[in-house]
Protein backbone atom coordinates (compact mmCIF):
# COMPACT_ATOMS: atom_id res chain seq x y z
CA UNK A 1 175.06 131.23 104.98
CA UNK A 2 172.81 133.92 102.85
CA UNK A 3 171.72 134.09 99.23
CA UNK A 4 172.93 137.72 97.68
CA UNK A 5 169.14 139.96 97.59
CA UNK A 6 169.89 140.36 94.00
CA UNK A 7 167.46 142.67 91.39
CA UNK A 8 165.87 139.33 89.64
CA UNK A 9 165.05 138.15 93.17
CA UNK A 10 163.65 140.73 94.37
CA UNK A 11 161.66 141.84 91.22
CA UNK A 12 160.10 138.14 91.14
CA UNK A 13 159.24 138.65 94.80
CA UNK A 14 157.42 141.55 94.27
CA UNK A 15 155.89 139.64 90.92
CA UNK A 16 154.38 137.13 92.97
CA UNK A 17 153.80 139.50 95.69
CA UNK A 18 151.00 141.88 93.29
CA UNK A 19 149.82 138.71 92.13
CA UNK A 20 148.24 138.03 95.86
CA UNK A 21 151.52 135.00 96.55
CA UNK A 22 151.88 135.31 100.00
CA UNK A 23 155.86 135.41 100.42
CA UNK A 24 157.76 134.97 103.22
CA UNK A 25 161.52 135.98 103.08
CA UNK A 26 162.73 133.69 106.39
CA UNK A 27 166.55 131.57 106.25
CA UNK A 28 165.91 128.06 105.65
CA UNK A 29 167.32 124.83 107.27
CA UNK A 30 168.32 121.71 105.47
CA UNK A 31 165.38 120.05 107.24
CA UNK A 32 163.58 122.61 105.40
CA UNK A 33 164.23 122.02 101.99
CA UNK A 34 164.37 117.64 102.62
CA UNK A 35 160.10 118.73 103.71
CA UNK A 36 159.95 121.05 100.43
CA UNK A 37 157.22 120.83 98.02
CA UNK A 38 159.22 122.72 95.64
CA UNK A 39 161.90 124.20 94.90
CA UNK A 40 163.40 127.18 92.73
CA UNK A 41 165.95 129.54 92.41
CA UNK A 42 166.46 133.11 90.69
CA UNK A 43 169.43 134.46 89.00
CA UNK A 44 170.47 136.78 86.52
CA UNK A 45 171.17 134.44 83.92
CA UNK A 46 168.40 131.88 84.41
CA UNK A 47 165.96 134.00 85.49
CA UNK A 48 163.32 131.86 87.32
CA UNK A 49 164.84 128.45 87.43
CA UNK A 50 163.09 124.50 89.15
CA UNK A 51 165.32 122.56 91.32
CA UNK A 52 164.18 119.53 90.08
CA UNK A 53 166.34 117.18 92.53
CA UNK A 54 167.19 117.42 95.82
CA UNK A 55 170.00 114.90 97.05
CA UNK A 56 168.01 112.06 96.81
CA UNK A 57 164.83 113.21 96.30
CA UNK A 58 163.12 114.20 92.95
CA UNK A 59 160.55 117.75 92.97
CA UNK A 60 158.67 118.53 90.26
CA UNK A 61 158.37 122.11 88.41
CA UNK A 62 155.55 122.68 90.69
CA UNK A 63 152.53 125.79 90.53
CA UNK A 64 154.72 128.42 92.06
CA UNK A 65 157.66 128.28 90.22
CA UNK A 66 155.64 128.27 87.30
CA UNK A 67 153.86 131.18 88.38
CA UNK A 68 156.85 132.83 89.17
CA UNK A 69 158.63 132.62 85.53
CA UNK A 70 155.55 133.09 83.87
CA UNK A 71 155.12 136.27 85.83
CA UNK A 72 159.01 136.96 85.57
CA UNK A 73 158.62 136.14 81.57
CA UNK A 74 155.09 138.35 80.77
CA UNK A 75 156.82 141.45 82.64
CA UNK A 76 160.13 141.50 80.69
CA UNK A 77 158.26 140.78 77.59
CA UNK A 78 156.07 143.76 78.36
């Protein structure tokens, strides 16, 4: 499946890249999610939200998700 190329998603990608974060847009497998250090999603209502669990595995609100959220909120409130 694919995800929508949403406005919030594109804004977050642009903000991360402008902040010097390398962003790769690729199709992920379930195995990729199992191996991920962190997972977050973007959306019109929630903006940037960490995924705190994937199946049986707990995940932290990691540094990239924290940076993405901070960059988005700084942009939104400027």
